[in-house]
Amino acid sequence: MFKAFSKLQLVLSFLMAFIGFSQAFNNWGEKRILSLFFLIASVFVLIVTSIALIFYRKRQIIKE
């Protein structure tokens, strides 16, 4: 699963996590449930992306 990530996909997933955190912050006062959903989903995306980045770096080191 993590071995097929490209550099563009990693950048876009970090951007998607940032947008999710922004949405959670933006909706915090009015819609708490929606904000919690965005917060939890963004944390999950950030964790998965960090793991994929580690695998991507290991793959780059092995190629060199």
PDB file of N, CA and C in Angstrom:
ATOM      1  N   MET A   1       0.819  -1.197   0.000  1.00  0.00           N
ATOM      2  CA  MET A   1       0.000   0.000   0.000  1.00  0.00           C
ATOM      3  C   MET A   1       0.861   1.258   0.000  1.00  0.00           C
ATOM      4  N   PHE A   2       1.888   1.290   0.828  1.00  0.00           N
ATOM      5  CA  PHE A   2       2.688   2.500   0.950  1.00  0.00           C
ATOM      6  C   PHE A   2       3.820   2.573  -0.063  1.00  0.00           C
ATOM      7  N   LYS A   3       4.086   1.504  -0.779  1.00  0.00           N
ATOM      8  CA  LYS A   3       5.229   1.501  -1.680  1.00  0.00           C
ATOM      9  C   LYS A   3       4.932   2.142  -3.024  1.00  0.00           C
ATOM     10  N   ALA A   4       3.686   2.428  -3.329  1.00  0.00           N
ATOM     11  CA  ALA A   4       3.334   2.968  -4.633  1.00  0.00           C
ATOM     12  C   ALA A   4       3.080   4.473  -4.594  1.00  0.00           C
ATOM     13  N   PHE A   5       3.501   5.150  -3.546  1.00  0.00           N
ATOM     14  CA  PHE A   5       3.284   6.588  -3.439  1.00  0.00           C
ATOM     15  C   PHE A   5       4.292   7.345  -4.277  1.00  0.00           C
ATOM     16  N   SER A   6       3.825   8.379  -4.952  1.00  0.00           N
ATOM     17  CA  SER A   6       4.735   9.266  -5.662  1.00  0.00           C
ATOM     18  C   SER A   6       4.915  10.545  -4.846  1.00  0.00           C
ATOM     19  N   LYS A   7       5.864  11.354  -5.264  1.00  0.00           N
ATOM     20  CA  LYS A   7       6.134  12.601  -4.553  1.00  0.00           C
ATOM     21  C   LYS A   7       4.931  13.542  -4.625  1.00  0.00           C
ATOM     22  N   LEU A   8       4.266  13.594  -5.759  1.00  0.00           N
ATOM     23  CA  LEU A   8       3.089  14.446  -5.921  1.00  0.00           C
ATOM     24  C   LEU A   8       1.953  14.014  -4.991  1.00  0.00           C
ATOM     25  N   GLN A   9       1.751  12.717  -4.858  1.00  0.00           N
ATOM     26  CA  GLN A   9       0.700  12.226  -3.964  1.00  0.00           C
ATOM     27  C   GLN A   9       1.008  12.578  -2.515  1.00  0.00           C
ATOM     28  N   LEU A  10       2.259  12.525  -2.120  1.00  0.00           N
ATOM     29  CA  LEU A  10       2.622  12.893  -0.758  1.00  0.00           C
ATOM     30  C   LEU A  10       2.374  14.374  -0.497  1.00  0.00           C
ATOM     31  N   VAL A  11       2.735  15.210  -1.455  1.00  0.00           N
ATOM     32  CA  VAL A  11       2.512  16.652  -1.298  1.00  0.00           C
ATOM     33  C   VAL A  11       1.022  16.955  -1.232  1.00  0.00           C
ATOM     34  N   LEU A  12       0.242  16.332  -2.100  1.00  0.00           N
ATOM     35  CA  LEU A  12      -1.197  16.568  -2.103  1.00  0.00           C
ATOM     36  C   LEU A  12      -1.869  16.061  -0.828  1.00  0.00           C
ATOM     37  N   SER A  13      -1.388  14.963  -0.274  1.00  0.00           N
ATOM     38  CA  SER A  13      -2.003  14.462   0.956  1.00  0.00           C
ATOM     39  C   SER A  13      -1.669  15.358   2.149  1.00  0.00           C
ATOM     40  N   PHE A  14      -0.453  15.921   2.195  1.00  0.00           N
ATOM     41  CA  PHE A  14      -0.151  16.887   3.251  1.00  0.00           C
ATOM     42  C   PHE A  14      -1.012  18.142   3.090  1.00  0.00           C
ATOM     43  N   LEU A  15      -1.226  18.567   1.845  1.00  0.00           N
ATOM     44  CA  LEU A  15      -2.089  19.709   1.584  1.00  0.00           C
ATOM     45  C   LEU A  15      -3.534  19.411   1.993  1.00  0.00           C
ATOM     46  N   MET A  16      -3.998  18.194   1.725  1.00  0.00           N
ATOM     47  CA  MET A  16      -5.351  17.810   2.110  1.00  0.00           C
ATOM     48  C   MET A  16      -5.501  17.793   3.631  1.00  0.00           C
ATOM     49  N   ALA A  17      -4.477  17.337   4.350  1.00  0.00           N
ATOM     50  CA  ALA A  17      -4.531  17.367   5.811  1.00  0.00           C
ATOM     51  C   ALA A  17      -4.572  18.801   6.323  1.00  0.00           C
ATOM     52  N   PHE A  18      -3.806  19.688   5.702  1.00  0.00           N
ATOM     53  CA  PHE A  18      -3.830  21.097   6.096  1.00  0.00           C
ATOM     54  C   PHE A  18      -5.203  21.717   5.860  1.00  0.00           C
ATOM     55  N   ILE A  19      -5.827  21.391   4.730  1.00  0.00           N
ATOM     56  CA  ILE A  19      -7.162  21.903   4.436  1.00  0.00           C
ATOM     57  C   ILE A  19      -8.168  21.356   5.449  1.00  0.00           C
ATOM     58  N   GLY A  20      -8.023  20.096   5.831  1.00  0.00           N
ATOM     59  CA  GLY A  20      -8.903  19.517   6.843  1.00  0.00           C
ATOM     60  C   GLY A  20      -8.760  20.209   8.186  1.00  0.00           C
ATOM     61  N   PHE A  21      -7.520  20.506   8.596  1.00  0.00           N
ATOM     62  CA  PHE A  21      -7.305  21.241   9.846  1.00  0.00           C
ATOM     63  C   PHE A  21      -7.899  22.649   9.756  1.00  0.00           C
ATOM     64  N   SER A  22      -7.782  23.277   8.591  1.00  0.00           N
ATOM     65  CA  SER A  22      -8.364  24.605   8.403  1.00  0.00           C
ATOM     66  C   SER A  22      -9.885  24.563   8.500  1.00  0.00           C
ATOM     67  N   GLN A  23     -10.498  23.550   7.919  1.00  0.00           N
ATOM     68  CA  GLN A  23     -11.946  23.406   8.001  1.00  0.00           C
ATOM     69  C   GLN A  23     -12.400  23.141   9.435  1.00  0.00           C
ATOM     70  N   ALA A  24     -11.635  22.330  10.159  1.00  0.00           N
ATOM     71  CA  ALA A  24     -11.981  22.054  11.559  1.00  0.00           C
ATOM     72  C   ALA A  24     -11.909  23.337  12.382  1.00  0.00           C
ATOM     73  N   PHE A  25     -10.897  24.139  12.151  1.00  0.00           N
ATOM     74  CA  PHE A  25     -10.768  25.400  12.880  1.00  0.00           C
ATOM     75  C   PHE A  25     -11.861  26.382  12.483  1.00  0.00           C
ATOM     76  N   ASN A  26     -12.207  26.414  11.196  1.00  0.00           N
ATOM     77  CA  ASN A  26     -13.200  27.353  10.692  1.00  0.00           C
ATOM     78  C   ASN A  26     -14.605  27.047  11.217  1.00  0.00           C
ATOM     79  N   ASN A  27     -14.944  25.775  11.379  1.00  0.00           N
ATOM     80  CA  ASN A  27     -16.288  25.382  11.798  1.00  0.00           C
ATOM     81  C   ASN A  27     -16.416  25.130  13.296  1.00  0.00           C
ATOM     82  N   TRP A  28     -15.399  25.420  14.082  1.00  0.00           N
ATOM     83  CA  TRP A  28     -15.396  25.027  15.488  1.00  0.00           C
ATOM     84  C   TRP A  28     -16.507  25.692  16.292  1.00  0.00           C
ATOM     85  N   GLY A  29     -16.792  26.955  16.068  1.00  0.00           N
ATOM     86  CA  GLY A  29     -17.779  27.653  16.877  1.00  0.00           C
ATOM     87  C   GLY A  29     -19.205  27.254  16.574  1.00  0.00           C
ATOM     88  N   GLU A  30     -19.496  26.908  15.329  1.00  0.00           N
ATOM     89  CA  GLU A  30     -20.874  26.666  14.923  1.00  0.00           C
ATOM     90  C   GLU A  30     -21.229  25.183  14.883  1.00  0.00           C
ATOM     91  N   LYS A  31     -20.398  24.402  14.265  1.00  0.00           N
ATOM     92  CA  LYS A  31     -20.718  22.986  14.025  1.00  0.00           C
ATOM     93  C   LYS A  31     -19.636  22.111  14.658  1.00  0.00           C
ATOM     94  N   ARG A  32     -19.817  21.767  15.913  1.00  0.00           N
ATOM     95  CA  ARG A  32     -18.787  21.008  16.634  1.00  0.00           C
ATOM     96  C   ARG A  32     -18.596  19.595  16.069  1.00  0.00           C
ATOM     97  N   ILE A  33     -19.667  18.910  15.714  1.00  0.00           N
ATOM     98  CA  ILE A  33     -19.549  17.543  15.214  1.00  0.00           C
ATOM     99  C   ILE A  33     -18.784  17.523  13.894  1.00  0.00           C
ATOM    100  N   LEU A  34     -19.100  18.448  13.013  1.00  0.00           N
ATOM    101  CA  LEU A  34     -18.385  18.539  11.740  1.00  0.00           C
ATOM    102  C   LEU A  34     -16.914  18.873  11.972  1.00  0.00           C
ATOM    103  N   SER A  35     -16.645  19.749  12.918  1.00  0.00           N
ATOM    104  CA  SER A  35     -15.260  20.108  13.233  1.00  0.00           C
ATOM    105  C   SER A  35     -14.492  18.914  13.782  1.00  0.00           C
ATOM    106  N   LEU A  36     -15.131  18.141  14.655  1.00  0.00           N
ATOM    107  CA  LEU A  36     -14.466  16.952  15.187  1.00  0.00           C
ATOM    108  C   LEU A  36     -14.204  15.927  14.094  1.00  0.00           C
ATOM    109  N   PHE A  37     -15.145  15.800  13.158  1.00  0.00           N
ATOM    110  CA  PHE A  37     -14.932  14.888  12.033  1.00  0.00           C
ATOM    111  C   PHE A  37     -13.720  15.314  11.209  1.00  0.00           C
ATOM    112  N   PHE A  38     -13.656  16.598  10.857  1.00  0.00           N
ATOM    113  CA  PHE A  38     -12.515  17.101  10.081  1.00  0.00           C
ATOM    114  C   PHE A  38     -11.210  16.946  10.853  1.00  0.00           C
ATOM    115  N   LEU A  39     -11.245  17.171  12.157  1.00  0.00           N
ATOM    116  CA  LEU A  39     -10.044  17.050  12.974  1.00  0.00           C
ATOM    117  C   LEU A  39      -9.555  15.608  13.026  1.00  0.00           C
ATOM    118  N   ILE A  40     -10.453  14.680  13.278  1.00  0.00           N
ATOM    119  CA  ILE A  40     -10.070  13.269  13.347  1.00  0.00           C
ATOM    120  C   ILE A  40      -9.603  12.766  11.985  1.00  0.00           C
ATOM    121  N   ALA A  41     -10.309  13.137  10.927  1.00  0.00           N
ATOM    122  CA  ALA A  41      -9.917  12.700   9.589  1.00  0.00           C
ATOM    123  C   ALA A  41      -8.563  13.278   9.191  1.00  0.00           C
ATOM    124  N   SER A  42      -8.307  14.527   9.556  1.00  0.00           N
ATOM    125  CA  SER A  42      -7.025  15.151   9.212  1.00  0.00           C
ATOM    126  C   SER A  42      -5.872  14.511   9.969  1.00  0.00           C
ATOM    127  N   VAL A  43      -6.104  14.179  11.221  1.00  0.00           N
ATOM    128  CA  VAL A  43      -5.055  13.499  11.998  1.00  0.00           C
ATOM    129  C   VAL A  43      -4.766  12.134  11.386  1.00  0.00           C
ATOM    130  N   PHE A  44      -5.811  11.417  10.994  1.00  0.00           N
ATOM    131  CA  PHE A  44      -5.620  10.114  10.360  1.00  0.00           C
ATOM    132  C   PHE A  44      -4.844  10.245   9.047  1.00  0.00           C
ATOM    133  N   VAL A  45      -5.218  11.205   8.217  1.00  0.00           N
ATOM    134  CA  VAL A  45      -4.518  11.426   6.947  1.00  0.00           C
ATOM    135  C   VAL A  45      -3.064  11.814   7.200  1.00  0.00           C
ATOM    136  N   LEU A  46      -2.826  12.635   8.211  1.00  0.00           N
ATOM    137  CA  LEU A  46      -1.462  13.049   8.531  1.00  0.00           C
ATOM    138  C   LEU A  46      -0.613  11.866   9.003  1.00  0.00           C
ATOM    139  N   ILE A  47      -1.180  10.981   9.797  1.00  0.00           N
ATOM    140  CA  ILE A  47      -0.446   9.797  10.255  1.00  0.00           C
ATOM    141  C   ILE A  47      -0.126   8.875   9.083  1.00  0.00           C
ATOM    142  N   VAL A  48      -1.115   8.608   8.237  1.00  0.00           N
ATOM    143  CA  VAL A  48      -0.885   7.728   7.082  1.00  0.00           C
ATOM    144  C   VAL A  48       0.129   8.345   6.133  1.00  0.00           C
ATOM    145  N   THR A  49       0.050   9.637   5.921  1.00  0.00           N
ATOM    146  CA  THR A  49       0.999  10.310   5.036  1.00  0.00           C
ATOM    147  C   THR A  49       2.406  10.299   5.615  1.00  0.00           C
ATOM    148  N   SER A  50       2.528  10.447   6.912  1.00  0.00           N
ATOM    149  CA  SER A  50       3.851  10.391   7.540  1.00  0.00           C
ATOM    150  C   SER A  50       4.466   9.008   7.384  1.00  0.00           C
ATOM    151  N   ILE A  51       3.656   7.970   7.547  1.00  0.00           N
ATOM    152  CA  ILE A  51       4.153   6.608   7.342  1.00  0.00           C
ATOM    153  C   ILE A  51       4.569   6.414   5.887  1.00  0.00           C
ATOM    154  N   ALA A  52       3.757   6.913   4.968  1.00  0.00           N
ATOM    155  CA  ALA A  52       4.105   6.797   3.544  1.00  0.00           C
ATOM    156  C   ALA A  52       5.379   7.568   3.220  1.00  0.00           C
ATOM    157  N   LEU A  53       5.584   8.711   3.856  1.00  0.00           N
ATOM    158  CA  LEU A  53       6.807   9.478   3.636  1.00  0.00           C
ATOM    159  C   LEU A  53       8.032   8.715   4.123  1.00  0.00           C
ATOM    160  N   ILE A  54       7.906   8.034   5.243  1.00  0.00           N
ATOM    161  CA  ILE A  54       9.017   7.220   5.750  1.00  0.00           C
ATOM    162  C   ILE A  54       9.358   6.113   4.758  1.00  0.00           C
ATOM    163  N   PHE A  55       8.327   5.425   4.244  1.00  0.00           N
ATOM    164  CA  PHE A  55       8.575   4.379   3.250  1.00  0.00           C
ATOM    165  C   PHE A  55       9.163   4.953   1.963  1.00  0.00           C
ATOM    166  N   TYR A  56       8.698   6.136   1.570  1.00  0.00           N
ATOM    167  CA  TYR A  56       9.216   6.783   0.361  1.00  0.00           C
ATOM    168  C   TYR A  56      10.690   7.118   0.530  1.00  0.00           C
ATOM    169  N   ARG A  57      11.067   7.645   1.688  1.00  0.00           N
ATOM    170  CA  ARG A  57      12.481   7.980   1.938  1.00  0.00           C
ATOM    171  C   ARG A  57      13.343   6.719   1.961  1.00  0.00           C
ATOM    172  N   LYS A  58      12.839   5.640   2.565  1.00  0.00           N
ATOM    173  CA  LYS A  58      13.597   4.389   2.579  1.00  0.00           C
ATOM    174  C   LYS A  58      13.802   3.868   1.161  1.00  0.00           C
ATOM    175  N   ARG A  59      12.767   4.001   0.327  1.00  0.00           N
ATOM    176  CA  ARG A  59      12.891   3.561  -1.060  1.00  0.00           C
ATOM    177  C   ARG A  59      13.917   4.396  -1.810  1.00  0.00           C
ATOM    178  N   GLN A  60      13.971   5.705  -1.527  1.00  0.00           N
ATOM    179  CA  GLN A  60      14.955   6.574  -2.170  1.00  0.00           C
ATOM    180  C   GLN A  60      16.370   6.231  -1.727  1.00  0.00           C
ATOM    181  N   ILE A  61      16.545   5.897  -0.465  1.00  0.00           N
ATOM    182  CA  ILE A  61      17.873   5.538   0.045  1.00  0.00           C
ATOM    183  C   ILE A  61      18.343   4.219  -0.553  1.00  0.00           C
ATOM    184  N   ILE A  62      17.429   3.260  -0.688  1.00  0.00           N
ATOM    185  CA  ILE A  62      17.798   1.966  -1.262  1.00  0.00           C
ATOM    186  C   ILE A  62      18.180   2.114  -2.732  1.00  0.00           C
ATOM    187  N   LYS A  63      17.513   2.985  -3.474  1.00  0.00           N
ATOM    188  CA  LYS A  63      17.826   3.189  -4.897  1.00  0.00           C
ATOM    189  C   LYS A  63      19.210   3.787  -5.093  1.00  0.00           C
ATOM    190  N   GLU A  64      19.660   4.599  -4.160  1.00  0.00           N
ATOM    191  CA  GLU A  64      20.952   5.267  -4.323  1.00  0.00           C
ATOM    192  C   GLU A  64      22.085   4.412  -3.978  1.00  0.00           C
TER     193      GLU A  64
END
